[in-house]
Amino acid sequence: MSKPALTFATLKDAVGQELGVSQWTTVDQTRIDQFADCTGDHQWIHVDAERARRESPFRATIAHGFLTLSIIGSLGQEIGAIPENTQAAFNYGLDRVRFVAPVRAGTRVRLRSTLISLEDRGPGQYLMKASNVIEIEGDERPALIAETLIMLYERRQKKVAS
């Protein structure tokens, strides 16, 4: 059974509640390599599987921390964390980011998100703060914990001519 879509009216009542849990997604070596190419960060612990097997304390390549952090955006959309009547949503910042455990290549992760606050910033503008945990399948420790700040702009209602 799926939960009803969030709106700004229901989001205001959801402070302190879990927004949702995403499906598992695999962080494979191809994804890690693409992130390395995109950012220019080709550190061997991320891209050299043979060397990582020999020299890394994790015995495998691991995802970049910022790759793991960036997954929050797409998984947040998957769980419907943005109200359906949103005109625009923008990253506003991050608080308390901690990279708790490495994400080995081939590992599956998912997002668990909880609404911390919703601050009114003007007509139709809200600053949403959420606690996000990227969980690693089969591991007690999460990959990361981060508080995201998202500026939301509510879609304006069209005036009906009378």
C-alpha atoms as a PDB file:
ATOM      1  CA  MET A   1       0.000   0.000   0.000  1.00  0.00           C
ATOM      2  CA  SER A   2       1.503   3.328  -1.014  1.00  0.00           C
ATOM      3  CA  LYS A   3       1.235   6.397   1.134  1.00  0.00           C
ATOM      4  CA  PRO A   4      -0.545   9.509  -0.149  1.00  0.00           C
ATOM      5  CA  ALA A   5       1.615  12.113  -1.880  1.00  0.00           C
ATOM      6  CA  LEU A   6       2.884  14.944   0.295  1.00  0.00           C
ATOM      7  CA  THR A   7       1.505  18.426  -0.119  1.00  0.00           C
ATOM      8  CA  PHE A   8       2.589  21.574   1.709  1.00  0.00           C
ATOM      9  CA  ALA A   9      -0.468  21.223   3.940  1.00  0.00           C
ATOM     10  CA  THR A  10       0.417  17.652   4.950  1.00  0.00           C
ATOM     11  CA  LEU A  11       4.163  18.366   5.126  1.00  0.00           C
ATOM     12  CA  LYS A  12       3.596  20.895   7.910  1.00  0.00           C
ATOM     13  CA  ASP A  13       2.050  18.092   9.987  1.00  0.00           C
ATOM     14  CA  ALA A  14       4.876  15.650   9.185  1.00  0.00           C
ATOM     15  CA  VAL A  15       7.611  17.371  11.226  1.00  0.00           C
ATOM     16  CA  GLY A  16       9.325  14.710  13.327  1.00  0.00           C
ATOM     17  CA  GLN A  17       8.020  11.876  11.155  1.00  0.00           C
ATOM     18  CA  GLU A  18       9.729   9.593   8.698  1.00  0.00           C
ATOM     19  CA  LEU A  19       9.234  10.778   5.120  1.00  0.00           C
ATOM     20  CA  GLY A  20      10.042   7.368   3.724  1.00  0.00           C
ATOM     21  CA  VAL A  21      12.526   4.649   2.903  1.00  0.00           C
ATOM     22  CA  SER A  22      13.749   4.157  -0.655  1.00  0.00           C
ATOM     23  CA  GLN A  23      14.301   0.955  -2.567  1.00  0.00           C
ATOM     24  CA  TRP A  24      17.803  -0.525  -2.527  1.00  0.00           C
ATOM     25  CA  THR A  25      20.139   0.754  -5.238  1.00  0.00           C
ATOM     26  CA  THR A  26      23.475  -0.762  -6.216  1.00  0.00           C
ATOM     27  CA  VAL A  27      26.628   1.325  -6.136  1.00  0.00           C
ATOM     28  CA  ASP A  28      28.654  -0.641  -8.679  1.00  0.00           C
ATOM     29  CA  GLN A  29      32.129  -0.010 -10.056  1.00  0.00           C
ATOM     30  CA  THR A  30      30.744   1.539 -13.238  1.00  0.00           C
ATOM     31  CA  ARG A  31      28.903   4.170 -11.205  1.00  0.00           C
ATOM     32  CA  ILE A  32      32.021   4.835  -9.131  1.00  0.00           C
ATOM     33  CA  ASP A  33      34.159   5.167 -12.266  1.00  0.00           C
ATOM     34  CA  GLN A  34      31.657   7.557 -13.842  1.00  0.00           C
ATOM     35  CA  PHE A  35      31.705   9.703 -10.711  1.00  0.00           C
ATOM     36  CA  ALA A  36      35.513   9.687 -10.781  1.00  0.00           C
ATOM     37  CA  ASP A  37      35.471  10.799 -14.414  1.00  0.00           C
ATOM     38  CA  CYS A  38      32.913  13.501 -13.694  1.00  0.00           C
ATOM     39  CA  THR A  39      34.783  14.954 -10.696  1.00  0.00           C
ATOM     40  CA  GLY A  40      38.377  14.173 -11.696  1.00  0.00           C
ATOM     41  CA  ASP A  41      38.894  12.253  -8.442  1.00  0.00           C
ATOM     42  CA  HIS A  42      40.642   9.081  -9.628  1.00  0.00           C
ATOM     43  CA  GLN A  43      42.189   8.111  -6.291  1.00  0.00           C
ATOM     44  CA  TRP A  44      43.135   4.429  -6.499  1.00  0.00           C
ATOM     45  CA  ILE A  45      40.956   3.405  -3.554  1.00  0.00           C
ATOM     46  CA  HIS A  46      37.951   4.210  -5.770  1.00  0.00           C
ATOM     47  CA  VAL A  47      39.048   3.062  -9.230  1.00  0.00           C
ATOM     48  CA  ASP A  48      41.852   0.481  -9.010  1.00  0.00           C
ATOM     49  CA  ALA A  49      40.188  -2.779  -7.974  1.00  0.00           C
ATOM     50  CA  GLU A  50      43.389  -4.848  -8.009  1.00  0.00           C
ATOM     51  CA  ARG A  51      45.377  -2.394  -5.890  1.00  0.00           C
ATOM     52  CA  ALA A  52      42.425  -1.969  -3.526  1.00  0.00           C
ATOM     53  CA  ARG A  53      42.276  -5.760  -3.049  1.00  0.00           C
ATOM     54  CA  ARG A  54      45.971  -5.738  -2.118  1.00  0.00           C
ATOM     55  CA  GLU A  55      46.415  -2.500  -0.179  1.00  0.00           C
ATOM     56  CA  SER A  56      43.090  -1.148   1.042  1.00  0.00           C
ATOM     57  CA  PRO A  57      41.877  -1.942   4.550  1.00  0.00           C
ATOM     58  CA  PHE A  58      38.486  -2.611   2.904  1.00  0.00           C
ATOM     59  CA  ARG A  59      39.930  -5.135   0.380  1.00  0.00           C
ATOM     60  CA  ALA A  60      37.800  -3.612  -2.373  1.00  0.00           C
ATOM     61  CA  THR A  61      37.249  -0.305  -4.089  1.00  0.00           C
ATOM     62  CA  ILE A  62      34.886   2.035  -2.279  1.00  0.00           C
ATOM     63  CA  ALA A  63      32.542   4.761  -3.470  1.00  0.00           C
ATOM     64  CA  HIS A  64      33.564   8.366  -3.048  1.00  0.00           C
ATOM     65  CA  GLY A  65      31.902   9.850   0.023  1.00  0.00           C
ATOM     66  CA  PHE A  66      30.480  12.618  -2.130  1.00  0.00           C
ATOM     67  CA  LEU A  67      29.012  10.042  -4.528  1.00  0.00           C
ATOM     68  CA  THR A  68      27.184   8.466  -1.611  1.00  0.00           C
ATOM     69  CA  LEU A  69      26.071  11.915  -0.441  1.00  0.00           C
ATOM     70  CA  SER A  70      24.816  12.826  -3.923  1.00  0.00           C
ATOM     71  CA  ILE A  71      22.540   9.782  -4.047  1.00  0.00           C
ATOM     72  CA  ILE A  72      20.306  11.441  -1.441  1.00  0.00           C
ATOM     73  CA  GLY A  73      18.782  13.668  -4.132  1.00  0.00           C
ATOM     74  CA  SER A  74      17.488  10.940  -6.414  1.00  0.00           C
ATOM     75  CA  LEU A  75      16.429   8.635  -3.587  1.00  0.00           C
ATOM     76  CA  GLY A  76      14.630  11.535  -1.901  1.00  0.00           C
ATOM     77  CA  GLN A  77      12.647  12.040  -5.091  1.00  0.00           C
ATOM     78  CA  GLU A  78      11.900   8.310  -5.190  1.00  0.00           C
ATOM     79  CA  ILE A  79      10.325   8.361  -1.721  1.00  0.00           C
ATOM     80  CA  GLY A  80       8.252  11.432  -2.559  1.00  0.00           C
ATOM     81  CA  ALA A  81       9.926  13.735  -0.034  1.00  0.00           C
ATOM     82  CA  ILE A  82       9.145  16.815  -2.136  1.00  0.00           C
ATOM     83  CA  PRO A  83       5.490  17.958  -1.972  1.00  0.00           C
ATOM     84  CA  GLU A  84       3.520  17.320  -5.154  1.00  0.00           C
ATOM     85  CA  ASN A  85       2.505  20.977  -5.514  1.00  0.00           C
ATOM     86  CA  THR A  86       6.126  22.193  -5.577  1.00  0.00           C
ATOM     87  CA  GLN A  87       7.060  24.569  -8.372  1.00  0.00           C
ATOM     88  CA  ALA A  88      10.799  24.335  -7.643  1.00  0.00           C
ATOM     89  CA  ALA A  89      13.125  22.763  -5.080  1.00  0.00           C
ATOM     90  CA  PHE A  90      16.757  23.806  -4.615  1.00  0.00           C
ATOM     91  CA  ASN A  91      19.616  22.537  -2.492  1.00  0.00           C
ATOM     92  CA  TYR A  92      20.200  25.144   0.206  1.00  0.00           C
ATOM     93  CA  GLY A  93      22.942  23.401   2.151  1.00  0.00           C
ATOM     94  CA  LEU A  94      23.963  20.586   4.427  1.00  0.00           C
ATOM     95  CA  ASP A  95      24.377  20.282   8.181  1.00  0.00           C
ATOM     96  CA  ARG A  96      26.120  17.596  10.220  1.00  0.00           C
ATOM     97  CA  VAL A  97      27.404  15.397   7.418  1.00  0.00           C
ATOM     98  CA  ARG A  98      29.233  12.306   8.654  1.00  0.00           C
ATOM     99  CA  PHE A  99      30.702   9.519   6.525  1.00  0.00           C
ATOM    100  CA  VAL A 100      30.265   6.622   8.937  1.00  0.00           C
ATOM    101  CA  ALA A 101      31.154   3.518   6.885  1.00  0.00           C
ATOM    102  CA  PRO A 102      32.591   2.899   3.411  1.00  0.00           C
ATOM    103  CA  VAL A 103      30.386   1.752   0.548  1.00  0.00           C
ATOM    104  CA  ARG A 104      32.228  -1.074  -1.195  1.00  0.00           C
ATOM    105  CA  ALA A 105      31.757  -1.432  -4.950  1.00  0.00           C
ATOM    106  CA  GLY A 106      28.758  -3.666  -5.646  1.00  0.00           C
ATOM    107  CA  THR A 107      27.028  -2.827  -2.368  1.00  0.00           C
ATOM    108  CA  ARG A 108      23.366  -1.898  -2.177  1.00  0.00           C
ATOM    109  CA  VAL A 109      22.272   1.199  -0.260  1.00  0.00           C
ATOM    110  CA  ARG A 110      18.988   2.923   0.503  1.00  0.00           C
ATOM    111  CA  LEU A 111      17.796   6.208   1.989  1.00  0.00           C
ATOM    112  CA  ARG A 112      15.808   6.653   5.187  1.00  0.00           C
ATOM    113  CA  SER A 113      14.633  10.250   5.593  1.00  0.00           C
ATOM    114  CA  THR A 114      12.917  12.047   8.477  1.00  0.00           C
ATOM    115  CA  LEU A 115      11.559  15.599   8.423  1.00  0.00           C
ATOM    116  CA  ILE A 116      13.248  17.738  11.094  1.00  0.00           C
ATOM    117  CA  SER A 117      11.611  21.085  10.376  1.00  0.00           C
ATOM    118  CA  LEU A 118       9.720  23.182   7.858  1.00  0.00           C
ATOM    119  CA  GLU A 119      10.383  26.895   8.182  1.00  0.00           C
ATOM    120  CA  ASP A 120       8.171  29.483   6.473  1.00  0.00           C
ATOM    121  CA  ARG A 121      10.437  31.835   4.510  1.00  0.00           C
ATOM    122  CA  GLY A 122       7.800  34.036   2.883  1.00  0.00           C
ATOM    123  CA  PRO A 123       4.707  33.579   0.754  1.00  0.00           C
ATOM    124  CA  GLY A 124       4.933  30.108  -0.790  1.00  0.00           C
ATOM    125  CA  GLN A 125       8.572  29.626   0.291  1.00  0.00           C
ATOM    126  CA  TYR A 126       9.721  27.041   2.808  1.00  0.00           C
ATOM    127  CA  LEU A 127      13.056  25.774   4.093  1.00  0.00           C
ATOM    128  CA  MET A 128      12.805  22.032   4.664  1.00  0.00           C
ATOM    129  CA  LYS A 129      15.368  20.346   6.923  1.00  0.00           C
ATOM    130  CA  ALA A 130      15.553  16.557   6.838  1.00  0.00           C
ATOM    131  CA  SER A 131      17.699  13.934   8.511  1.00  0.00           C
ATOM    132  CA  ASN A 132      18.980  11.483   5.919  1.00  0.00           C
ATOM    133  CA  VAL A 133      20.612   8.140   6.566  1.00  0.00           C
ATOM    134  CA  ILE A 134      22.136   6.119   3.743  1.00  0.00           C
ATOM    135  CA  GLU A 135      21.907   2.529   4.971  1.00  0.00           C
ATOM    136  CA  ILE A 136      24.142  -0.262   3.684  1.00  0.00           C
ATOM    137  CA  GLU A 137      22.442  -3.586   3.072  1.00  0.00           C
ATOM    138  CA  GLY A 138      23.619  -6.133   5.649  1.00  0.00           C
ATOM    139  CA  ASP A 139      25.596  -3.610   7.722  1.00  0.00           C
ATOM    140  CA  GLU A 140      24.531  -2.208  11.091  1.00  0.00           C
ATOM    141  CA  ARG A 141      26.453   1.008  10.466  1.00  0.00           C
ATOM    142  CA  PRO A 142      25.107   3.441   7.887  1.00  0.00           C
ATOM    143  CA  ALA A 143      27.269   4.791   5.088  1.00  0.00           C
ATOM    144  CA  LEU A 144      26.449   8.346   6.044  1.00  0.00           C
ATOM    145  CA  ILE A 145      24.199  10.616   8.019  1.00  0.00           C
ATOM    146  CA  ALA A 146      23.418  14.105   6.725  1.00  0.00           C
ATOM    147  CA  GLU A 147      20.935  16.847   7.385  1.00  0.00           C
ATOM    148  CA  THR A 148      19.817  18.411   4.108  1.00  0.00           C
ATOM    149  CA  LEU A 149      18.360  21.866   3.669  1.00  0.00           C
ATOM    150  CA  ILE A 150      16.032  22.270   0.696  1.00  0.00           C
ATOM    151  CA  MET A 151      14.354  25.531  -0.339  1.00  0.00           C
ATOM    152  CA  LEU A 152      10.872  24.769  -1.630  1.00  0.00           C
ATOM    153  CA  TYR A 153       8.687  27.040  -3.715  1.00  0.00           C
ATOM    154  CA  GLU A 154       4.987  26.239  -3.691  1.00  0.00           C
ATOM    155  CA  ARG A 155       3.133  26.309  -7.007  1.00  0.00           C
ATOM    156  CA  ARG A 156       0.902  29.355  -7.037  1.00  0.00           C
ATOM    157  CA  GLN A 157      -2.812  28.844  -7.433  1.00  0.00           C
ATOM    158  CA  LYS A 158      -4.287  30.498 -10.516  1.00  0.00           C
ATOM    159  CA  LYS A 159      -6.958  33.028  -9.721  1.00  0.00           C
ATOM    160  CA  VAL A 160     -10.355  32.123 -11.044  1.00  0.00           C
ATOM    161  CA  ALA A 161     -12.100  34.938 -12.890  1.00  0.00           C
ATOM    162  CA  SER A 162     -15.500  35.757 -11.474  1.00  0.00           C
END
